[in-house]
Structures are given as C-alpha cells and as structure tokens.
Amino acid sequence: MTSAPKFDRFKKYFNRHKPSIQEIVREPTAGGIVFRRVDGQVQILLIQDGKNRWTIPKGHIEEGETAVETALREIGEEAGIHQSESFGWLGKIHFRYRRIDKLVLMTTQIYLVKALGDTDDIQKEDWMNDIRWFSFHDALDEIEYEDISKIMLLAMKRIRQENL
C-alpha cells in the first residue's frame, strides 16, 4: 500500500493534458549581435534571461518601426547602449513555442551592431539574470541557441573582413 502515493506522484507527470492549439500567432522580432573592440580584441554582448540562457538583445517590432530600428531600440532598452551603429543585416532565425493554447511562430531579424561611447556602462533590465561582455569564443560557448551561434560566426567573419 505504501507504493500507491509514490506511483500517484510519478503518474502526474505523464497525465498532463495540455489544451489543444487553438491559434497560430506570428511574432516578428529583431535584435543584434552587439560587439566592441577592447585592446584590438572583439567582445560580444550577451544577456542572460530568466531561465539562465545566454542570448542576444532582441524584441518585438512595433508598428511603424523597421527591423533595424527595433534592433537598435531593443539594444538601448535591454543593455543601456544608446550609442551604436548598424553594419547591416546578418540573417534571420525562427523559433516556435507554445503559449497555453497558441502556437507562436517567432522570426527574428538579426543585425550586426557596434557599440559606441562608454561600452562599459551596460545595464540589465529587471527580468534579466545577467548581462556581460564576452570574448568572441566565450560568447560562442555560452550562447544557448545554435541558430544564433551560426549567425555569430557570420558576424565575426564580417568584422574581420571589413576590419570593423
């Protein structure tokens, strides 16, 4: 008889019934691979979300905004970097996740952005666990999303080729 409560606790993990998908929602977003040079070395800015995943600053494209405007605005809002320059589009990535009874299809346009001004004065938002500059190789190791890693490699290639 003592095994029944243990079995009930175990069973609850397999009997979760999620509501069926009722709607598909598209969410266009934009962000940036933000870099700076310190003593000639490239550093990449990453933010750590509430689930401890390292990623890039990004957010929803608002009405009347272009994707590059969104990327620069989000970098300002999420990192406190208000002086920056975009060096063009790097690519886009697709995420999908479930939000209760909705399937969310998110497309993120990613730009190469150089931080200007006092790049040490970064500030995280309340929802973030951390924000930090990483060497390029450490940033590649820390990034949680393979698609973003691939775009970071493209970013580094462009930084080197164009001597940014």
N, C-alpha and C. Protein backbone atom coordinates (compact mmCIF):
# COMPACT_ATOMS: atom_id res chain seq x y z
N MET A 1 0.81 -1.21 0.00
CA MET A 1 0.00 0.00 0.00
C MET A 1 0.86 1.27 0.00
N THR A 2 2.05 1.22 0.51
CA THR A 2 2.86 2.43 0.58
C THR A 2 3.35 2.88 -0.79
N SER A 3 3.32 2.01 -1.79
CA SER A 3 3.81 2.41 -3.11
C SER A 3 2.77 3.22 -3.90
N ALA A 4 1.51 3.17 -3.52
CA ALA A 4 0.48 3.90 -4.25
C ALA A 4 0.71 5.41 -4.26
N PRO A 5 1.00 6.06 -3.12
CA PRO A 5 1.24 7.51 -3.18
C PRO A 5 2.44 7.86 -4.06
N LYS A 6 3.50 7.06 -4.02
CA LYS A 6 4.66 7.32 -4.87
C LYS A 6 4.27 7.21 -6.35
N PHE A 7 3.47 6.17 -6.66
CA PHE A 7 3.03 5.99 -8.04
C PHE A 7 2.17 7.17 -8.48
N ASP A 8 1.30 7.67 -7.63
CA ASP A 8 0.44 8.81 -7.97
C ASP A 8 1.27 10.06 -8.24
N ARG A 9 2.31 10.26 -7.44
CA ARG A 9 3.18 11.42 -7.68
C ARG A 9 3.90 11.30 -9.02
N PHE A 10 4.34 10.08 -9.33
CA PHE A 10 5.05 9.83 -10.58
C PHE A 10 4.09 9.97 -11.77
N LYS A 11 2.87 9.45 -11.62
CA LYS A 11 1.87 9.43 -12.68
C LYS A 11 1.46 10.85 -13.12
N LYS A 12 1.48 11.79 -12.19
CA LYS A 12 1.01 13.14 -12.53
C LYS A 12 1.85 13.79 -13.62
N TYR A 13 3.11 13.37 -13.76
CA TYR A 13 3.96 13.95 -14.79
C TYR A 13 3.60 13.44 -16.18
N PHE A 14 2.94 12.32 -16.26
CA PHE A 14 2.60 11.74 -17.56
C PHE A 14 1.15 11.95 -17.94
N ASN A 15 0.35 12.46 -17.05
CA ASN A 15 -1.08 12.65 -17.33
C ASN A 15 -1.44 14.12 -17.53
N ARG A 16 -0.46 14.94 -17.81
CA ARG A 16 -0.76 16.35 -18.04
C ARG A 16 -1.38 16.50 -19.41
N HIS A 17 -2.55 17.04 -19.45
CA HIS A 17 -3.22 17.28 -20.72
C HIS A 17 -3.14 18.76 -21.04
N LYS A 18 -2.39 19.07 -22.07
CA LYS A 18 -2.30 20.46 -22.50
C LYS A 18 -3.52 20.77 -23.35
N PRO A 19 -4.00 22.01 -23.27
CA PRO A 19 -5.11 22.38 -24.15
C PRO A 19 -4.64 22.30 -25.61
N SER A 20 -5.54 21.95 -26.49
CA SER A 20 -5.16 21.85 -27.89
C SER A 20 -4.87 23.24 -28.45
N ILE A 21 -4.06 23.27 -29.49
CA ILE A 21 -3.70 24.52 -30.14
C ILE A 21 -4.95 25.10 -30.80
N GLN A 22 -5.29 26.33 -30.44
CA GLN A 22 -6.47 27.00 -30.98
C GLN A 22 -6.10 28.07 -32.01
N GLU A 23 -4.86 28.54 -31.94
CA GLU A 23 -4.48 29.68 -32.78
C GLU A 23 -2.98 29.63 -33.05
N ILE A 24 -2.60 30.08 -34.23
CA ILE A 24 -1.19 30.24 -34.57
C ILE A 24 -0.93 31.74 -34.65
N VAL A 25 0.09 32.19 -33.92
CA VAL A 25 0.40 33.61 -33.84
C VAL A 25 1.81 33.84 -34.39
N ARG A 26 1.95 34.81 -35.26
CA ARG A 26 3.27 35.17 -35.78
C ARG A 26 3.78 36.40 -35.03
N GLU A 27 5.02 36.33 -34.58
CA GLU A 27 5.61 37.45 -33.85
C GLU A 27 6.92 37.84 -34.52
N PRO A 28 6.93 38.96 -35.25
CA PRO A 28 8.17 39.45 -35.84
C PRO A 28 9.01 40.18 -34.79
N THR A 29 10.28 39.81 -34.69
CA THR A 29 11.17 40.44 -33.74
C THR A 29 12.49 40.79 -34.44
N ALA A 30 13.30 41.57 -33.76
CA ALA A 30 14.61 41.94 -34.29
C ALA A 30 15.58 42.12 -33.14
N GLY A 31 16.85 41.87 -33.43
CA GLY A 31 17.89 42.02 -32.42
C GLY A 31 19.24 42.18 -33.07
N GLY A 32 20.26 42.14 -32.23
CA GLY A 32 21.60 42.37 -32.77
C GLY A 32 22.68 41.56 -32.12
N ILE A 33 23.66 41.22 -32.95
CA ILE A 33 24.94 40.73 -32.44
C ILE A 33 25.71 42.02 -32.15
N VAL A 34 25.83 42.35 -30.87
CA VAL A 34 26.45 43.61 -30.45
C VAL A 34 27.91 43.33 -30.12
N PHE A 35 28.81 44.13 -30.72
CA PHE A 35 30.23 43.91 -30.47
C PHE A 35 30.93 45.22 -30.16
N ARG A 36 32.10 45.07 -29.59
CA ARG A 36 33.02 46.18 -29.35
C ARG A 36 34.43 45.62 -29.46
N ARG A 37 35.38 46.51 -29.54
CA ARG A 37 36.80 46.10 -29.51
C ARG A 37 37.44 46.66 -28.25
N VAL A 38 38.16 45.79 -27.56
CA VAL A 38 38.92 46.18 -26.38
C VAL A 38 40.34 45.67 -26.60
N ASP A 39 41.29 46.59 -26.66
CA ASP A 39 42.68 46.25 -26.96
C ASP A 39 42.79 45.40 -28.22
N GLY A 40 41.99 45.77 -29.22
CA GLY A 40 42.02 45.08 -30.50
C GLY A 40 41.22 43.79 -30.55
N GLN A 41 40.77 43.29 -29.41
CA GLN A 41 40.01 42.04 -29.36
C GLN A 41 38.51 42.30 -29.43
N VAL A 42 37.81 41.47 -30.20
CA VAL A 42 36.37 41.59 -30.34
C VAL A 42 35.69 40.97 -29.13
N GLN A 43 34.74 41.72 -28.58
CA GLN A 43 33.91 41.21 -27.49
C GLN A 43 32.45 41.30 -27.92
N ILE A 44 31.67 40.32 -27.47
CA ILE A 44 30.25 40.21 -27.82
C ILE A 44 29.41 40.40 -26.56
N LEU A 45 28.34 41.16 -26.66
CA LEU A 45 27.43 41.39 -25.54
C LEU A 45 26.33 40.32 -25.54
N LEU A 46 26.17 39.66 -24.40
CA LEU A 46 25.09 38.69 -24.24
C LEU A 46 24.27 39.04 -23.01
N ILE A 47 23.00 38.68 -23.06
CA ILE A 47 22.13 38.84 -21.90
C ILE A 47 21.70 37.45 -21.45
N GLN A 48 21.48 37.32 -20.15
CA GLN A 48 21.03 36.05 -19.59
C GLN A 48 19.58 36.21 -19.16
N ASP A 49 18.70 35.40 -19.77
CA ASP A 49 17.27 35.54 -19.48
C ASP A 49 16.90 34.92 -18.13
N GLY A 50 15.65 34.97 -17.80
CA GLY A 50 15.16 34.47 -16.52
C GLY A 50 15.35 32.98 -16.33
N LYS A 51 15.59 32.25 -17.42
CA LYS A 51 15.82 30.80 -17.35
C LYS A 51 17.31 30.48 -17.45
N ASN A 52 18.16 31.49 -17.23
CA ASN A 52 19.62 31.36 -17.24
C ASN A 52 20.20 31.01 -18.61
N ARG A 53 19.49 31.33 -19.68
CA ARG A 53 20.00 31.09 -21.03
C ARG A 53 20.64 32.36 -21.56
N TRP A 54 21.86 32.25 -22.08
CA TRP A 54 22.55 33.39 -22.68
C TRP A 54 22.07 33.56 -24.11
N THR A 55 21.75 34.79 -24.47
CA THR A 55 21.26 35.10 -25.81
C THR A 55 21.63 36.54 -26.16
N ILE A 56 21.08 37.02 -27.27
CA ILE A 56 21.36 38.38 -27.72
C ILE A 56 20.17 39.28 -27.39
N PRO A 57 20.40 40.60 -27.31
CA PRO A 57 19.28 41.52 -27.11
C PRO A 57 18.36 41.50 -28.33
N LYS A 58 17.07 41.37 -28.08
CA LYS A 58 16.09 41.34 -29.17
C LYS A 58 14.71 41.64 -28.60
N GLY A 59 13.80 42.01 -29.49
CA GLY A 59 12.44 42.29 -29.04
C GLY A 59 11.48 42.45 -30.20
N HIS A 60 10.24 42.68 -29.86
CA HIS A 60 9.16 42.77 -30.85
C HIS A 60 9.23 44.04 -31.69
N ILE A 61 8.98 43.87 -32.98
CA ILE A 61 8.92 45.01 -33.90
C ILE A 61 7.58 45.71 -33.66
N GLU A 62 7.66 46.99 -33.37
CA GLU A 62 6.44 47.76 -33.11
C GLU A 62 5.94 48.41 -34.38
N GLU A 63 4.67 48.75 -34.38
CA GLU A 63 4.04 49.36 -35.56
C GLU A 63 4.81 50.59 -36.00
N GLY A 64 5.08 50.68 -37.31
CA GLY A 64 5.78 51.82 -37.88
C GLY A 64 7.28 51.75 -37.77
N GLU A 65 7.81 50.68 -37.19
CA GLU A 65 9.24 50.53 -36.99
C GLU A 65 9.81 49.56 -38.02
N THR A 66 11.02 49.84 -38.49
CA THR A 66 11.71 48.87 -39.33
C THR A 66 12.42 47.88 -38.40
N ALA A 67 12.84 46.77 -38.95
CA ALA A 67 13.52 45.75 -38.14
C ALA A 67 14.83 46.31 -37.56
N VAL A 68 15.58 47.06 -38.34
CA VAL A 68 16.85 47.60 -37.82
C VAL A 68 16.58 48.64 -36.72
N GLU A 69 15.53 49.43 -36.87
CA GLU A 69 15.17 50.38 -35.80
C GLU A 69 14.82 49.63 -34.52
N THR A 70 14.09 48.52 -34.67
CA THR A 70 13.75 47.71 -33.50
C THR A 70 15.01 47.18 -32.83
N ALA A 71 15.92 46.64 -33.63
CA ALA A 71 17.15 46.08 -33.07
C ALA A 71 17.90 47.13 -32.25
N LEU A 72 18.07 48.32 -32.81
CA LEU A 72 18.80 49.38 -32.10
C LEU A 72 18.03 49.83 -30.85
N ARG A 73 16.71 49.93 -30.94
CA ARG A 73 15.90 50.32 -29.78
C ARG A 73 16.02 49.27 -28.68
N GLU A 74 15.90 48.01 -29.04
CA GLU A 74 15.97 46.93 -28.04
C GLU A 74 17.34 46.86 -27.38
N ILE A 75 18.39 47.08 -28.14
CA ILE A 75 19.74 47.10 -27.57
C ILE A 75 19.84 48.24 -26.56
N GLY A 76 19.25 49.39 -26.88
CA GLY A 76 19.23 50.50 -25.94
C GLY A 76 18.44 50.17 -24.70
N GLU A 77 17.24 49.58 -24.88
CA GLU A 77 16.38 49.28 -23.74
C GLU A 77 16.95 48.15 -22.87
N GLU A 78 17.44 47.09 -23.51
CA GLU A 78 17.86 45.91 -22.77
C GLU A 78 19.27 46.01 -22.21
N ALA A 79 20.12 46.81 -22.84
CA ALA A 79 21.51 46.86 -22.41
C ALA A 79 21.97 48.25 -21.97
N GLY A 80 21.17 49.27 -22.24
CA GLY A 80 21.59 50.62 -21.91
C GLY A 80 22.59 51.19 -22.89
N ILE A 81 22.74 50.55 -24.04
CA ILE A 81 23.66 51.04 -25.08
C ILE A 81 22.84 51.86 -26.07
N HIS A 82 22.97 53.18 -25.94
CA HIS A 82 22.18 54.07 -26.79
C HIS A 82 22.99 54.66 -27.94
N GLN A 83 24.30 54.48 -27.89
CA GLN A 83 25.15 54.91 -28.99
C GLN A 83 25.66 53.65 -29.68
N SER A 84 25.18 53.45 -30.92
CA SER A 84 25.57 52.25 -31.65
C SER A 84 25.42 52.51 -33.14
N GLU A 85 26.00 51.62 -33.91
CA GLU A 85 25.92 51.74 -35.37
C GLU A 85 25.65 50.36 -35.95
N SER A 86 24.68 50.29 -36.85
CA SER A 86 24.37 49.03 -37.52
C SER A 86 25.25 48.87 -38.75
N PHE A 87 25.81 47.68 -38.89
CA PHE A 87 26.61 47.36 -40.07
C PHE A 87 25.89 46.36 -40.97
N GLY A 88 24.57 46.37 -40.89
CA GLY A 88 23.78 45.58 -41.82
C GLY A 88 23.21 44.30 -41.25
N TRP A 89 22.38 43.70 -42.07
CA TRP A 89 21.61 42.50 -41.75
C TRP A 89 22.50 41.28 -41.83
N LEU A 90 22.37 40.39 -40.85
CA LEU A 90 23.15 39.15 -40.84
C LEU A 90 22.31 37.94 -41.23
N GLY A 91 21.03 37.98 -40.94
CA GLY A 91 20.19 36.84 -41.24
C GLY A 91 18.98 36.82 -40.33
N LYS A 92 18.23 35.74 -40.42
CA LYS A 92 17.06 35.61 -39.55
C LYS A 92 17.02 34.20 -38.99
N ILE A 93 16.39 34.10 -37.83
CA ILE A 93 16.22 32.81 -37.19
C ILE A 93 14.75 32.63 -36.84
N HIS A 94 14.35 31.40 -36.72
CA HIS A 94 12.96 31.07 -36.42
C HIS A 94 12.89 30.29 -35.11
N PHE A 95 11.99 30.70 -34.26
CA PHE A 95 11.68 29.99 -33.03
C PHE A 95 10.22 29.61 -33.07
N ARG A 96 9.87 28.57 -32.40
CA ARG A 96 8.45 28.31 -32.18
C ARG A 96 8.31 27.77 -30.77
N TYR A 97 7.25 28.20 -30.14
CA TYR A 97 6.98 27.74 -28.79
C TYR A 97 5.48 27.81 -28.54
N ARG A 98 5.08 27.17 -27.48
CA ARG A 98 3.67 27.10 -27.13
C ARG A 98 3.38 28.07 -26.01
N ARG A 99 2.28 28.82 -26.17
CA ARG A 99 1.81 29.71 -25.12
C ARG A 99 0.35 29.31 -24.84
N ILE A 100 0.18 28.43 -23.86
CA ILE A 100 -1.11 27.85 -23.47
C ILE A 100 -1.76 27.18 -24.67
N ASP A 101 -2.74 27.83 -25.32
CA ASP A 101 -3.42 27.19 -26.45
C ASP A 101 -3.03 27.83 -27.79
N LYS A 102 -1.89 28.55 -27.80
CA LYS A 102 -1.42 29.20 -29.03
C LYS A 102 -0.06 28.63 -29.41
N LEU A 103 0.15 28.49 -30.70
CA LEU A 103 1.47 28.17 -31.22
C LEU A 103 2.05 29.48 -31.72
N VAL A 104 3.18 29.89 -31.15
CA VAL A 104 3.81 31.15 -31.50
C VAL A 104 4.96 30.87 -32.46
N LEU A 105 4.90 31.48 -33.62
CA LEU A 105 5.97 31.38 -34.62
C LEU A 105 6.71 32.72 -34.62
N MET A 106 7.92 32.70 -34.12
CA MET A 106 8.69 33.94 -33.99
C MET A 106 9.82 33.95 -35.02
N THR A 107 9.91 35.03 -35.76
CA THR A 107 11.02 35.24 -36.69
C THR A 107 11.81 36.44 -36.20
N THR A 108 13.12 36.24 -36.02
CA THR A 108 13.98 37.31 -35.52
C THR A 108 14.98 37.71 -36.60
N GLN A 109 14.92 38.99 -37.00
CA GLN A 109 15.90 39.56 -37.92
C GLN A 109 17.09 40.00 -37.09
N ILE A 110 18.30 39.62 -37.50
CA ILE A 110 19.48 39.91 -36.70
C ILE A 110 20.44 40.80 -37.48
N TYR A 111 20.91 41.83 -36.81
CA TYR A 111 21.81 42.82 -37.39
C TYR A 111 23.15 42.82 -36.66
N LEU A 112 24.18 43.22 -37.37
CA LEU A 112 25.50 43.42 -36.77
C LEU A 112 25.56 44.85 -36.26
N VAL A 113 25.81 45.00 -34.95
CA VAL A 113 25.75 46.32 -34.33
C VAL A 113 27.02 46.55 -33.50
N LYS A 114 27.66 47.67 -33.75
CA LYS A 114 28.85 48.04 -32.98
C LYS A 114 28.43 49.02 -31.88
N ALA A 115 28.80 48.70 -30.66
CA ALA A 115 28.53 49.58 -29.52
C ALA A 115 29.54 50.71 -29.54
N LEU A 116 29.06 51.93 -29.35
CA LEU A 116 29.91 53.12 -29.34
C LEU A 116 29.79 53.79 -27.97
N GLY A 117 30.62 54.77 -27.73
CA GLY A 117 30.54 55.50 -26.46
C GLY A 117 31.09 54.67 -25.31
N ASP A 118 30.55 54.88 -24.12
CA ASP A 118 31.01 54.17 -22.92
C ASP A 118 30.38 52.78 -22.90
N THR A 119 31.06 51.83 -23.49
CA THR A 119 30.50 50.48 -23.61
C THR A 119 30.60 49.69 -22.31
N ASP A 120 31.30 50.22 -21.31
CA ASP A 120 31.35 49.55 -20.00
C ASP A 120 30.10 49.83 -19.18
N ASP A 121 29.37 50.86 -19.56
CA ASP A 121 28.19 51.28 -18.81
C ASP A 121 26.95 50.55 -19.31
N ILE A 122 26.96 49.22 -19.18
CA ILE A 122 25.80 48.44 -19.59
C ILE A 122 24.90 48.23 -18.38
N GLN A 123 23.61 48.14 -18.64
CA GLN A 123 22.64 47.99 -17.56
C GLN A 123 21.63 46.93 -17.95
N LYS A 124 21.39 46.00 -17.05
CA LYS A 124 20.41 44.96 -17.35
C LYS A 124 19.03 45.39 -16.88
N GLU A 125 18.03 44.84 -17.56
CA GLU A 125 16.65 45.07 -17.13
C GLU A 125 16.32 44.11 -16.00
N ASP A 126 15.24 44.39 -15.28
CA ASP A 126 14.86 43.59 -14.11
C ASP A 126 14.63 42.12 -14.42
N TRP A 127 14.09 41.81 -15.60
CA TRP A 127 13.77 40.42 -15.95
C TRP A 127 15.00 39.59 -16.28
N MET A 128 16.15 40.23 -16.48
CA MET A 128 17.39 39.51 -16.82
C MET A 128 18.10 39.03 -15.57
N ASN A 129 18.79 37.92 -15.71
CA ASN A 129 19.65 37.46 -14.63
C ASN A 129 21.03 38.08 -14.71
N ASP A 130 21.49 38.40 -15.93
CA ASP A 130 22.83 38.97 -16.07
C ASP A 130 22.97 39.58 -17.46
N ILE A 131 23.98 40.39 -17.61
CA ILE A 131 24.38 40.96 -18.90
C ILE A 131 25.89 41.11 -18.83
N ARG A 132 26.58 40.75 -19.92
CA ARG A 132 28.04 40.73 -19.82
C ARG A 132 28.68 40.74 -21.21
N TRP A 133 29.86 41.34 -21.27
CA TRP A 133 30.69 41.26 -22.46
C TRP A 133 31.52 39.98 -22.38
N PHE A 134 31.60 39.24 -23.49
CA PHE A 134 32.39 38.02 -23.57
C PHE A 134 33.38 38.14 -24.72
N SER A 135 34.51 37.45 -24.60
CA SER A 135 35.35 37.30 -25.78
C SER A 135 34.51 36.55 -26.81
N PHE A 136 34.86 36.68 -28.07
CA PHE A 136 34.06 36.03 -29.11
C PHE A 136 33.92 34.53 -28.85
N HIS A 137 35.03 33.86 -28.54
CA HIS A 137 34.99 32.40 -28.34
C HIS A 137 34.18 32.02 -27.11
N ASP A 138 34.29 32.80 -26.05
CA ASP A 138 33.48 32.52 -24.85
C ASP A 138 32.00 32.74 -25.13
N ALA A 139 31.69 33.77 -25.92
CA ALA A 139 30.29 34.02 -26.28
C ALA A 139 29.73 32.84 -27.07
N LEU A 140 30.52 32.31 -27.99
CA LEU A 140 30.07 31.14 -28.75
C LEU A 140 29.80 29.96 -27.83
N ASP A 141 30.65 29.78 -26.82
CA ASP A 141 30.46 28.68 -25.86
C ASP A 141 29.21 28.89 -25.02
N GLU A 142 28.90 30.14 -24.67
CA GLU A 142 27.80 30.42 -23.75
C GLU A 142 26.43 30.49 -24.41
N ILE A 143 26.39 30.87 -25.68
CA ILE A 143 25.10 31.09 -26.34
C ILE A 143 24.28 29.79 -26.33
N GLU A 144 23.01 29.92 -26.05
CA GLU A 144 22.16 28.74 -25.88
C GLU A 144 21.54 28.24 -27.18
N TYR A 145 21.51 29.07 -28.19
CA TYR A 145 20.77 28.72 -29.40
C TYR A 145 21.72 28.53 -30.57
N GLU A 146 21.66 27.35 -31.16
CA GLU A 146 22.57 27.01 -32.26
C GLU A 146 22.42 27.96 -33.44
N ASP A 147 21.18 28.36 -33.76
CA ASP A 147 20.96 29.27 -34.89
C ASP A 147 21.65 30.61 -34.66
N ILE A 148 21.63 31.09 -33.43
CA ILE A 148 22.31 32.35 -33.12
C ILE A 148 23.82 32.15 -33.21
N SER A 149 24.32 30.99 -32.79
CA SER A 149 25.75 30.70 -32.90
C SER A 149 26.22 30.79 -34.35
N LYS A 150 25.42 30.24 -35.25
CA LYS A 150 25.79 30.28 -36.67
C LYS A 150 25.85 31.72 -37.17
N ILE A 151 24.91 32.54 -36.75
CA ILE A 151 24.91 33.95 -37.18
C ILE A 151 26.06 34.70 -36.52
N MET A 152 26.43 34.32 -35.30
CA MET A 152 27.60 34.94 -34.65
C MET A 152 28.87 34.66 -35.46
N LEU A 153 28.98 33.47 -36.01
CA LEU A 153 30.14 33.15 -36.86
C LEU A 153 30.16 34.04 -38.10
N LEU A 154 28.99 34.26 -38.70
CA LEU A 154 28.90 35.19 -39.85
C LEU A 154 29.30 36.60 -39.43
N ALA A 155 28.86 37.00 -38.23
CA ALA A 155 29.18 38.35 -37.73
C ALA A 155 30.70 38.49 -37.59
N MET A 156 31.34 37.50 -37.02
CA MET A 156 32.79 37.58 -36.81
C MET A 156 33.52 37.61 -38.15
N LYS A 157 33.03 36.85 -39.12
CA LYS A 157 33.64 36.86 -40.45
C LYS A 157 33.57 38.26 -41.05
N ARG A 158 32.40 38.91 -40.92
CA ARG A 158 32.24 40.27 -41.45
C ARG A 158 33.11 41.26 -40.71
N ILE A 159 33.19 41.14 -39.38
CA ILE A 159 34.03 42.04 -38.58
C ILE A 159 35.48 41.96 -39.05
N ARG A 160 35.96 40.74 -39.29
CA ARG A 160 37.34 40.56 -39.73
C ARG A 160 37.55 41.04 -41.16
N GLN A 161 36.64 40.66 -42.06
CA GLN A 161 36.80 41.02 -43.48
C GLN A 161 36.74 42.53 -43.69
N GLU A 162 35.85 43.20 -42.96
CA GLU A 162 35.67 44.64 -43.15
C GLU A 162 36.45 45.46 -42.13
N ASN A 163 37.21 44.77 -41.28
CA ASN A 163 38.03 45.42 -40.25
C ASN A 163 37.21 46.42 -39.43
N LEU A 164 36.08 45.95 -38.92
CA LEU A 164 35.17 46.80 -38.16
C LEU A 164 35.63 46.95 -36.71
